[in-house]
Amino acid sequence: VKGDGLYASIAAASILAKTYRDEHMIQLHREYPVYGW
């Protein structure tokens, strides 16, 4: 629990998952800009 604030590899995974997903949502925003993604 809260491993992303305790272990480097979980924090690293947290950062990759977040940044890759954010990139994807920005791409979807270009298709549907009304939602502010």
PDB file of all heavy atoms in Angstrom:
ATOM      1  N   VAL A   1       0.847  -1.190   0.000  1.00  0.00           N
ATOM      2  CA  VAL A   1       0.000   0.000   0.000  1.00  0.00           C
ATOM      3  C   VAL A   1       0.882   1.239   0.000  1.00  0.00           C
ATOM      4  O   VAL A   1       1.849   1.334   0.767  1.00  0.00           O
ATOM      5  CB  VAL A   1      -0.947  -0.003   1.217  1.00  0.00           C
ATOM      6  CG1 VAL A   1      -1.748   1.288   1.267  1.00  0.00           C
ATOM      7  CG2 VAL A   1      -1.873  -1.213   1.157  1.00  0.00           C
ATOM      8  N   LYS A   2       0.583   2.172  -0.903  1.00  0.00           N
ATOM      9  CA  LYS A   2       1.383   3.395  -1.097  1.00  0.00           C
ATOM     10  C   LYS A   2       2.834   3.058  -1.438  1.00  0.00           C
ATOM     11  O   LYS A   2       3.772   3.787  -1.084  1.00  0.00           O
ATOM     12  CB  LYS A   2       1.314   4.308   0.125  1.00  0.00           C
ATOM     13  CG  LYS A   2      -0.098   4.779   0.453  1.00  0.00           C
ATOM     14  CD  LYS A   2      -0.093   5.844   1.526  1.00  0.00           C
ATOM     15  CE  LYS A   2      -1.517   6.259   1.909  1.00  0.00           C
ATOM     16  NZ  LYS A   2      -2.288   6.780   0.768  1.00  0.00           N
ATOM     17  N   GLY A   3       2.990   1.965  -2.161  1.00  0.00           N
ATOM     18  CA  GLY A   3       4.338   1.515  -2.549  1.00  0.00           C
ATOM     19  C   GLY A   3       5.053   2.484  -3.457  1.00  0.00           C
ATOM     20  O   GLY A   3       6.293   2.493  -3.501  1.00  0.00           O
ATOM     21  N   ASP A   4       4.276   3.320  -4.194  1.00  0.00           N
ATOM     22  CA  ASP A   4       4.923   4.275  -5.095  1.00  0.00           C
ATOM     23  C   ASP A   4       5.638   5.396  -4.347  1.00  0.00           C
ATOM     24  O   ASP A   4       6.394   6.154  -4.943  1.00  0.00           O
ATOM     25  CB  ASP A   4       3.927   4.855  -6.098  1.00  0.00           C
ATOM     26  CG  ASP A   4       2.631   5.326  -5.463  1.00  0.00           C
ATOM     27  OD1 ASP A   4       2.523   5.312  -4.219  1.00  0.00           O
ATOM     28  OD2 ASP A   4       1.707   5.705  -6.209  1.00  0.00           O
ATOM     29  N   GLY A   5       5.418   5.491  -3.048  1.00  0.00           N
ATOM     30  CA  GLY A   5       6.158   6.445  -2.230  1.00  0.00           C
ATOM     31  C   GLY A   5       7.207   5.777  -1.364  1.00  0.00           C
ATOM     32  O   GLY A   5       7.839   6.433  -0.533  1.00  0.00           O
ATOM     33  N   LEU A   6       7.421   4.460  -1.576  1.00  0.00           N
ATOM     34  CA  LEU A   6       8.369   3.700  -0.753  1.00  0.00           C
ATOM     35  C   LEU A   6       9.481   3.051  -1.562  1.00  0.00           C
ATOM     36  O   LEU A   6      10.624   2.996  -1.111  1.00  0.00           O
ATOM     37  CB  LEU A   6       7.627   2.608   0.027  1.00  0.00           C
ATOM     38  CG  LEU A   6       6.598   3.072   1.054  1.00  0.00           C
ATOM     39  CD1 LEU A   6       5.818   1.873   1.594  1.00  0.00           C
ATOM     40  CD2 LEU A   6       7.286   3.809   2.194  1.00  0.00           C
ATOM     41  N   TYR A   7       9.143   2.545  -2.755  1.00  0.00           N
ATOM     42  CA  TYR A   7      10.098   1.776  -3.562  1.00  0.00           C
ATOM     43  C   TYR A   7      10.333   2.434  -4.907  1.00  0.00           C
ATOM     44  O   TYR A   7       9.386   2.828  -5.595  1.00  0.00           O
ATOM     45  CB  TYR A   7       9.607   0.339  -3.748  1.00  0.00           C
ATOM     46  CG  TYR A   7       9.673  -0.464  -2.475  1.00  0.00           C
ATOM     47  CD1 TYR A   7       8.570  -0.537  -1.628  1.00  0.00           C
ATOM     48  CD2 TYR A   7      10.848  -1.108  -2.086  1.00  0.00           C
ATOM     49  CE1 TYR A   7       8.632  -1.249  -0.438  1.00  0.00           C
ATOM     50  CE2 TYR A   7      10.907  -1.819  -0.903  1.00  0.00           C
ATOM     51  CZ  TYR A   7       9.806  -1.889  -0.082  1.00  0.00           C
ATOM     52  OH  TYR A   7       9.875  -2.583   1.100  1.00  0.00           O
ATOM     53  N   ALA A   8      11.600   2.515  -5.285  1.00  0.00           N
ATOM     54  CA  ALA A   8      11.977   3.227  -6.504  1.00  0.00           C
ATOM     55  C   ALA A   8      11.339   2.613  -7.753  1.00  0.00           C
ATOM     56  O   ALA A   8      10.874   3.334  -8.639  1.00  0.00           O
ATOM     57  CB  ALA A   8      13.497   3.256  -6.647  1.00  0.00           C
ATOM     58  N   SER A   9      11.302   1.293  -7.834  1.00  0.00           N
ATOM     59  CA  SER A   9      10.779   0.674  -9.058  1.00  0.00           C
ATOM     60  C   SER A   9       9.273   0.881  -9.199  1.00  0.00           C
ATOM     61  O   SER A   9       8.768   1.031 -10.318  1.00  0.00           O
ATOM     62  CB  SER A   9      11.115  -0.818  -9.102  1.00  0.00           C
ATOM     63  OG  SER A   9      10.515  -1.507  -8.021  1.00  0.00           O
ATOM     64  N   ILE A  10       8.541   0.915  -8.082  1.00  0.00           N
ATOM     65  CA  ILE A  10       7.105   1.192  -8.163  1.00  0.00           C
ATOM     66  C   ILE A  10       6.882   2.657  -8.532  1.00  0.00           C
ATOM     67  O   ILE A  10       6.016   2.979  -9.356  1.00  0.00           O
ATOM     68  CB  ILE A  10       6.382   0.860  -6.843  1.00  0.00           C
ATOM     69  CG1 ILE A  10       6.566  -0.615  -6.468  1.00  0.00           C
ATOM     70  CG2 ILE A  10       4.896   1.179  -6.966  1.00  0.00           C
ATOM     71  CD1 ILE A  10       5.872  -1.006  -5.165  1.00  0.00           C
ATOM     72  N   ALA A  11       7.667   3.563  -7.947  1.00  0.00           N
ATOM     73  CA  ALA A  11       7.562   4.982  -8.308  1.00  0.00           C
ATOM     74  C   ALA A  11       7.869   5.183  -9.783  1.00  0.00           C
ATOM     75  O   ALA A  11       7.192   5.948 -10.478  1.00  0.00           O
ATOM     76  CB  ALA A  11       8.508   5.812  -7.448  1.00  0.00           C
ATOM     77  N   ALA A  12       8.882   4.481 -10.285  1.00  0.00           N
ATOM     78  CA  ALA A  12       9.241   4.573 -11.704  1.00  0.00           C
ATOM     79  C   ALA A  12       8.091   4.069 -12.573  1.00  0.00           C
ATOM     80  O   ALA A  12       7.754   4.672 -13.605  1.00  0.00           O
ATOM     81  CB  ALA A  12      10.512   3.776 -11.973  1.00  0.00           C
ATOM     82  N   ALA A  13       7.462   2.971 -12.157  1.00  0.00           N
ATOM     83  CA  ALA A  13       6.312   2.440 -12.895  1.00  0.00           C
ATOM     84  C   ALA A  13       5.150   3.429 -12.854  1.00  0.00           C
ATOM     85  O   ALA A  13       4.440   3.621 -13.850  1.00  0.00           O
ATOM     86  CB  ALA A  13       5.893   1.092 -12.311  1.00  0.00           C
ATOM     87  N   SER A  14       4.952   4.061 -11.713  1.00  0.00           N
ATOM     88  CA  SER A  14       3.916   5.070 -11.566  1.00  0.00           C
ATOM     89  C   SER A  14       4.121   6.210 -12.552  1.00  0.00           C
ATOM     90  O   SER A  14       3.179   6.674 -13.210  1.00  0.00           O
ATOM     91  CB  SER A  14       3.922   5.602 -10.129  1.00  0.00           C
ATOM     92  OG  SER A  14       3.131   6.750  -9.975  1.00  0.00           O
ATOM     93  N   ILE A  15       5.356   6.658 -12.689  1.00  0.00           N
ATOM     94  CA  ILE A  15       5.681   7.764 -13.592  1.00  0.00           C
ATOM     95  C   ILE A  15       5.473   7.366 -15.049  1.00  0.00           C
ATOM     96  O   ILE A  15       4.884   8.115 -15.835  1.00  0.00           O
ATOM     97  CB  ILE A  15       7.122   8.235 -13.333  1.00  0.00           C
ATOM     98  CG1 ILE A  15       7.170   9.008 -12.005  1.00  0.00           C
ATOM     99  CG2 ILE A  15       7.644   9.086 -14.483  1.00  0.00           C
ATOM    100  CD1 ILE A  15       8.541   9.176 -11.429  1.00  0.00           C
ATOM    101  N   LEU A  16       5.918   6.175 -15.427  1.00  0.00           N
ATOM    102  CA  LEU A  16       5.727   5.742 -16.809  1.00  0.00           C
ATOM    103  C   LEU A  16       4.246   5.574 -17.137  1.00  0.00           C
ATOM    104  O   LEU A  16       3.781   6.027 -18.188  1.00  0.00           O
ATOM    105  CB  LEU A  16       6.470   4.436 -17.076  1.00  0.00           C
ATOM    106  CG  LEU A  16       7.996   4.475 -17.043  1.00  0.00           C
ATOM    107  CD1 LEU A  16       8.564   3.185 -17.633  1.00  0.00           C
ATOM    108  CD2 LEU A  16       8.556   5.672 -17.782  1.00  0.00           C
ATOM    109  N   ALA A  17       3.505   4.913 -16.258  1.00  0.00           N
ATOM    110  CA  ALA A  17       2.080   4.711 -16.516  1.00  0.00           C
ATOM    111  C   ALA A  17       1.353   6.045 -16.653  1.00  0.00           C
ATOM    112  O   ALA A  17       0.540   6.240 -17.563  1.00  0.00           O
ATOM    113  CB  ALA A  17       1.451   3.877 -15.398  1.00  0.00           C
ATOM    114  N   LYS A  18       1.657   6.981 -15.775  1.00  0.00           N
ATOM    115  CA  LYS A  18       1.007   8.295 -15.792  1.00  0.00           C
ATOM    116  C   LYS A  18       1.361   9.087 -17.048  1.00  0.00           C
ATOM    117  O   LYS A  18       0.482   9.652 -17.709  1.00  0.00           O
ATOM    118  CB  LYS A  18       1.420   9.074 -14.538  1.00  0.00           C
ATOM    119  CG  LYS A  18       1.016  10.531 -14.493  1.00  0.00           C
ATOM    120  CD  LYS A  18      -0.463  10.732 -14.374  1.00  0.00           C
ATOM    121  CE  LYS A  18      -0.792  12.214 -14.172  1.00  0.00           C
ATOM    122  NZ  LYS A  18      -2.232  12.473 -14.420  1.00  0.00           N
ATOM    123  N   THR A  19       2.637   9.140 -17.408  1.00  0.00           N
ATOM    124  CA  THR A  19       3.043   9.954 -18.552  1.00  0.00           C
ATOM    125  C   THR A  19       2.557   9.353 -19.867  1.00  0.00           C
ATOM    126  O   THR A  19       2.133  10.087 -20.772  1.00  0.00           O
ATOM    127  CB  THR A  19       4.559  10.164 -18.586  1.00  0.00           C
ATOM    128  OG1 THR A  19       5.230   8.891 -18.538  1.00  0.00           O
ATOM    129  CG2 THR A  19       5.025  11.014 -17.408  1.00  0.00           C
ATOM    130  N   TYR A  20       2.613   8.038 -20.000  1.00  0.00           N
ATOM    131  CA  TYR A  20       2.114   7.407 -21.220  1.00  0.00           C
ATOM    132  C   TYR A  20       0.606   7.624 -21.351  1.00  0.00           C
ATOM    133  O   TYR A  20       0.103   7.885 -22.442  1.00  0.00           O
ATOM    134  CB  TYR A  20       2.436   5.912 -21.236  1.00  0.00           C
ATOM    135  CG  TYR A  20       3.802   5.585 -21.791  1.00  0.00           C
ATOM    136  CD1 TYR A  20       4.943   5.658 -20.989  1.00  0.00           C
ATOM    137  CD2 TYR A  20       3.967   5.189 -23.112  1.00  0.00           C
ATOM    138  CE1 TYR A  20       6.201   5.354 -21.486  1.00  0.00           C
ATOM    139  CE2 TYR A  20       5.222   4.879 -23.623  1.00  0.00           C
ATOM    140  CZ  TYR A  20       6.334   4.967 -22.804  1.00  0.00           C
ATOM    141  OH  TYR A  20       7.584   4.675 -23.304  1.00  0.00           O
ATOM    142  N   ARG A  21      -0.111   7.501 -20.237  1.00  0.00           N
ATOM    143  CA  ARG A  21      -1.562   7.703 -20.308  1.00  0.00           C
ATOM    144  C   ARG A  21      -1.913   9.157 -20.609  1.00  0.00           C
ATOM    145  O   ARG A  21      -2.811   9.429 -21.405  1.00  0.00           O
ATOM    146  CB  ARG A  21      -2.241   7.258 -19.002  1.00  0.00           C
ATOM    147  CG  ARG A  21      -3.752   7.294 -19.126  1.00  0.00           C
ATOM    148  CD  ARG A  21      -4.490   6.852 -17.883  1.00  0.00           C
ATOM    149  NE  ARG A  21      -5.908   6.744 -18.200  1.00  0.00           N
ATOM    150  CZ  ARG A  21      -6.736   7.784 -18.279  1.00  0.00           C
ATOM    151  NH1 ARG A  21      -6.303   9.015 -18.018  1.00  0.00           N
ATOM    152  NH2 ARG A  21      -8.007   7.602 -18.606  1.00  0.00           N
ATOM    153  N   ASP A  22      -1.211  10.084 -19.975  1.00  0.00           N
ATOM    154  CA  ASP A  22      -1.476  11.499 -20.245  1.00  0.00           C
ATOM    155  C   ASP A  22      -1.272  11.817 -21.723  1.00  0.00           C
ATOM    156  O   ASP A  22      -2.073  12.551 -22.324  1.00  0.00           O
ATOM    157  CB  ASP A  22      -0.571  12.384 -19.389  1.00  0.00           C
ATOM    158  CG  ASP A  22      -1.025  12.476 -17.939  1.00  0.00           C
ATOM    159  OD1 ASP A  22      -2.075  11.882 -17.597  1.00  0.00           O
ATOM    160  OD2 ASP A  22      -0.324  13.137 -17.150  1.00  0.00           O
ATOM    161  N   GLU A  23      -0.218  11.283 -22.323  1.00  0.00           N
ATOM    162  CA  GLU A  23       0.022  11.485 -23.750  1.00  0.00           C
ATOM    163  C   GLU A  23      -1.156  10.970 -24.578  1.00  0.00           C
ATOM    164  O   GLU A  23      -1.596  11.615 -25.530  1.00  0.00           O
ATOM    165  CB  GLU A  23       1.296  10.745 -24.182  1.00  0.00           C
ATOM    166  CG  GLU A  23       2.564  11.528 -24.007  1.00  0.00           C
ATOM    167  CD  GLU A  23       3.757  10.785 -24.586  1.00  0.00           C
ATOM    168  OE1 GLU A  23       3.582   9.707 -25.195  1.00  0.00           O
ATOM    169  OE2 GLU A  23       4.877  11.296 -24.426  1.00  0.00           O
ATOM    170  N   HIS A  24      -1.630   9.796 -24.205  1.00  0.00           N
ATOM    171  CA  HIS A  24      -2.744   9.188 -24.929  1.00  0.00           C
ATOM    172  C   HIS A  24      -4.002  10.047 -24.815  1.00  0.00           C
ATOM    173  O   HIS A  24      -4.718  10.256 -25.807  1.00  0.00           O
ATOM    174  CB  HIS A  24      -3.004   7.784 -24.395  1.00  0.00           C
ATOM    175  CG  HIS A  24      -4.118   7.068 -25.080  1.00  0.00           C
ATOM    176  ND1 HIS A  24      -3.976   6.484 -26.321  1.00  0.00           N
ATOM    177  CD2 HIS A  24      -5.419   6.861 -24.721  1.00  0.00           C
ATOM    178  CE1 HIS A  24      -5.116   5.940 -26.689  1.00  0.00           C
ATOM    179  NE2 HIS A  24      -6.015   6.153 -25.740  1.00  0.00           N
ATOM    180  N   MET A  25      -4.290  10.560 -23.626  1.00  0.00           N
ATOM    181  CA  MET A  25      -5.492  11.365 -23.439  1.00  0.00           C
ATOM    182  C   MET A  25      -5.401  12.697 -24.193  1.00  0.00           C
ATOM    183  O   MET A  25      -6.418  13.219 -24.660  1.00  0.00           O
ATOM    184  CB  MET A  25      -5.754  11.616 -21.953  1.00  0.00           C
ATOM    185  CG  MET A  25      -6.120  10.360 -21.167  1.00  0.00           C
ATOM    186  SD  MET A  25      -7.501   9.410 -21.877  1.00  0.00           S
ATOM    187  CE  MET A  25      -8.854  10.574 -21.746  1.00  0.00           C
ATOM    188  N   ILE A  26      -4.207  13.236 -24.340  1.00  0.00           N
ATOM    189  CA  ILE A  26      -4.040  14.456 -25.132  1.00  0.00           C
ATOM    190  C   ILE A  26      -4.330  14.158 -26.601  1.00  0.00           C
ATOM    191  O   ILE A  26      -4.931  14.977 -27.317  1.00  0.00           O
ATOM    192  CB  ILE A  26      -2.623  15.032 -24.926  1.00  0.00           C
ATOM    193  CG1 ILE A  26      -2.510  15.625 -23.504  1.00  0.00           C
ATOM    194  CG2 ILE A  26      -2.305  16.098 -25.972  1.00  0.00           C
ATOM    195  CD1 ILE A  26      -1.119  15.998 -23.100  1.00  0.00           C
ATOM    196  N   GLN A  27      -3.943  12.981 -27.069  1.00  0.00           N
ATOM    197  CA  GLN A  27      -4.278  12.583 -28.441  1.00  0.00           C
ATOM    198  C   GLN A  27      -5.798  12.456 -28.608  1.00  0.00           C
ATOM    199  O   GLN A  27      -6.369  12.922 -29.612  1.00  0.00           O
ATOM    200  CB  GLN A  27      -3.593  11.261 -28.783  1.00  0.00           C
ATOM    201  CG  GLN A  27      -2.090  11.370 -28.919  1.00  0.00           C
ATOM    202  CD  GLN A  27      -1.427  10.020 -29.114  1.00  0.00           C
ATOM    203  OE1 GLN A  27      -2.087   8.977 -29.134  1.00  0.00           O
ATOM    204  NE2 GLN A  27      -0.117  10.028 -29.264  1.00  0.00           N
ATOM    205  N   LEU A  28      -6.466  11.838 -27.629  1.00  0.00           N
ATOM    206  CA  LEU A  28      -7.920  11.713 -27.703  1.00  0.00           C
ATOM    207  C   LEU A  28      -8.595  13.076 -27.625  1.00  0.00           C
ATOM    208  O   LEU A  28      -9.662  13.291 -28.224  1.00  0.00           O
ATOM    209  CB  LEU A  28      -8.438  10.808 -26.585  1.00  0.00           C
ATOM    210  CG  LEU A  28      -8.014   9.342 -26.617  1.00  0.00           C
ATOM    211  CD1 LEU A  28      -8.750   8.555 -25.535  1.00  0.00           C
ATOM    212  CD2 LEU A  28      -8.244   8.715 -27.979  1.00  0.00           C
ATOM    213  N   HIS A  29      -7.996  14.000 -26.887  1.00  0.00           N
ATOM    214  CA  HIS A  29      -8.547  15.359 -26.780  1.00  0.00           C
ATOM    215  C   HIS A  29      -8.640  16.016 -28.150  1.00  0.00           C
ATOM    216  O   HIS A  29      -9.599  16.766 -28.425  1.00  0.00           O
ATOM    217  CB  HIS A  29      -7.660  16.201 -25.849  1.00  0.00           C
ATOM    218  CG  HIS A  29      -7.947  17.665 -25.908  1.00  0.00           C
ATOM    219  ND1 HIS A  29      -9.015  18.237 -25.268  1.00  0.00           N
ATOM    220  CD2 HIS A  29      -7.303  18.683 -26.557  1.00  0.00           C
ATOM    221  CE1 HIS A  29      -9.024  19.542 -25.497  1.00  0.00           C
ATOM    222  NE2 HIS A  29      -8.003  19.836 -26.280  1.00  0.00           N
ATOM    223  N   ARG A  30      -7.680  15.745 -29.019  1.00  0.00           N
ATOM    224  CA  ARG A  30      -7.705  16.355 -30.351  1.00  0.00           C
ATOM    225  C   ARG A  30      -8.907  15.862 -31.153  1.00  0.00           C
ATOM    226  O   ARG A  30      -9.420  16.576 -32.011  1.00  0.00           O
ATOM    227  CB  ARG A  30      -6.396  16.045 -31.085  1.00  0.00           C
ATOM    228  CG  ARG A  30      -5.168  16.630 -30.395  1.00  0.00           C
ATOM    229  CD  ARG A  30      -3.918  16.472 -31.223  1.00  0.00           C
ATOM    230  NE  ARG A  30      -2.755  16.994 -30.495  1.00  0.00           N
ATOM    231  CZ  ARG A  30      -1.782  16.238 -30.008  1.00  0.00           C
ATOM    232  NH1 ARG A  30      -1.815  14.924 -30.190  1.00  0.00           N
ATOM    233  NH2 ARG A  30      -0.778  16.774 -29.356  1.00  0.00           N
ATOM    234  N   GLU A  31      -9.351  14.656 -30.846  1.00  0.00           N
ATOM    235  CA  GLU A  31     -10.515  14.091 -31.523  1.00  0.00           C
ATOM    236  C   GLU A  31     -11.823  14.592 -30.898  1.00  0.00           C
ATOM    237  O   GLU A  31     -12.804  14.830 -31.599  1.00  0.00           O
ATOM    238  CB  GLU A  31     -10.436  12.564 -31.450  1.00  0.00           C
ATOM    239  CG  GLU A  31     -11.454  11.842 -32.285  1.00  0.00           C
ATOM    240  CD  GLU A  31     -11.256  10.333 -32.258  1.00  0.00           C
ATOM    241  OE1 GLU A  31     -10.222   9.866 -31.720  1.00  0.00           O
ATOM    242  OE2 GLU A  31     -12.147   9.629 -32.763  1.00  0.00           O
ATOM    243  N   TYR A  32     -11.826  14.740 -29.566  1.00  0.00           N
ATOM    244  CA  TYR A  32     -13.023  15.184 -28.838  1.00  0.00           C
ATOM    245  C   TYR A  32     -12.641  16.311 -27.860  1.00  0.00           C
ATOM    246  O   TYR A  32     -12.569  16.095 -26.656  1.00  0.00           O
ATOM    247  CB  TYR A  32     -13.646  14.014 -28.073  1.00  0.00           C
ATOM    248  CG  TYR A  32     -14.315  13.000 -28.964  1.00  0.00           C
ATOM    249  CD1 TYR A  32     -13.625  11.883 -29.411  1.00  0.00           C
ATOM    250  CD2 TYR A  32     -15.642  13.160 -29.364  1.00  0.00           C
ATOM    251  CE1 TYR A  32     -14.227  10.960 -30.245  1.00  0.00           C
ATOM    252  CE2 TYR A  32     -16.258  12.245 -30.195  1.00  0.00           C
ATOM    253  CZ  TYR A  32     -15.544  11.145 -30.630  1.00  0.00           C
ATOM    254  OH  TYR A  32     -16.155  10.235 -31.457  1.00  0.00           O
ATOM    255  N   PRO A  33     -12.396  17.521 -28.368  1.00  0.00           N
ATOM    256  CA  PRO A  33     -11.882  18.603 -27.508  1.00  0.00           C
ATOM    257  C   PRO A  33     -12.884  19.130 -26.488  1.00  0.00           C
ATOM    258  O   PRO A  33     -12.474  19.813 -25.539  1.00  0.00           O
ATOM    259  CB  PRO A  33     -11.497  19.692 -28.514  1.00  0.00           C
ATOM    260  CG  PRO A  33     -12.333  19.421 -29.724  1.00  0.00           C
ATOM    261  CD  PRO A  33     -12.481  17.933 -29.787  1.00  0.00           C
ATOM    262  N   VAL A  34     -14.184  18.837 -26.654  1.00  0.00           N
ATOM    263  CA  VAL A  34     -15.183  19.463 -25.772  1.00  0.00           C
ATOM    264  C   VAL A  34     -15.060  19.020 -24.322  1.00  0.00           C
ATOM    265  O   VAL A  34     -15.528  19.724 -23.417  1.00  0.00           O
ATOM    266  CB  VAL A  34     -16.622  19.191 -26.263  1.00  0.00           C
ATOM    267  CG1 VAL A  34     -16.857  19.821 -27.624  1.00  0.00           C
ATOM    268  CG2 VAL A  34     -16.938  17.708 -26.271  1.00  0.00           C
ATOM    269  N   TYR A  35     -14.409  17.876 -24.059  1.00  0.00           N
ATOM    270  CA  TYR A  35     -14.360  17.343 -22.694  1.00  0.00           C
ATOM    271  C   TYR A  35     -13.148  17.842 -21.882  1.00  0.00           C
ATOM    272  O   TYR A  35     -13.050  17.567 -20.690  1.00  0.00           O
ATOM    273  CB  TYR A  35     -14.346  15.811 -22.720  1.00  0.00           C
ATOM    274  CG  TYR A  35     -15.528  15.219 -23.451  1.00  0.00           C
ATOM    275  CD1 TYR A  35     -15.382  14.684 -24.733  1.00  0.00           C
ATOM    276  CD2 TYR A  35     -16.794  15.216 -22.873  1.00  0.00           C
ATOM    277  CE1 TYR A  35     -16.467  14.152 -25.416  1.00  0.00           C
ATOM    278  CE2 TYR A  35     -17.889  14.689 -23.552  1.00  0.00           C
ATOM    279  CZ  TYR A  35     -17.709  14.164 -24.820  1.00  0.00           C
ATOM    280  OH  TYR A  35     -18.790  13.639 -25.495  1.00  0.00           O
ATOM    281  N   GLY A  36     -12.237  18.539 -22.532  1.00  0.00           N
ATOM    282  CA  GLY A  36     -11.081  19.070 -21.806  1.00  0.00           C
ATOM    283  C   GLY A  36     -10.093  18.023 -21.351  1.00  0.00           C
ATOM    284  O   GLY A  36      -9.445  18.186 -20.313  1.00  0.00           O
ATOM    285  N   TRP A  37      -9.944  16.952 -22.110  1.00  0.00           N
ATOM    286  CA  TRP A  37      -9.051  15.864 -21.688  1.00  0.00           C
ATOM    287  C   TRP A  37      -7.585  16.260 -21.662  1.00  0.00           C
ATOM    288  O   TRP A  37      -6.775  15.592 -21.026  1.00  0.00           O
ATOM    289  CB  TRP A  37      -9.253  14.644 -22.589  1.00  0.00           C
ATOM    290  CG  TRP A  37     -10.575  13.977 -22.390  1.00  0.00           C
ATOM    291  CD1 TRP A  37     -11.381  14.042 -21.283  1.00  0.00           C
ATOM    292  CD2 TRP A  37     -11.258  13.135 -23.315  1.00  0.00           C
ATOM    293  NE1 TRP A  37     -12.516  13.293 -21.473  1.00  0.00           N
ATOM    294  CE2 TRP A  37     -12.476  12.725 -22.711  1.00  0.00           C
ATOM    295  CE3 TRP A  37     -10.972  12.688 -24.603  1.00  0.00           C
ATOM    296  CZ2 TRP A  37     -13.382  11.884 -23.354  1.00  0.00           C
ATOM    297  CZ3 TRP A  37     -11.877  11.862 -25.251  1.00  0.00           C
ATOM    298  CH2 TRP A  37     -13.071  11.455 -24.630  1.00  0.00           C
TER     299      TRP A  37
END
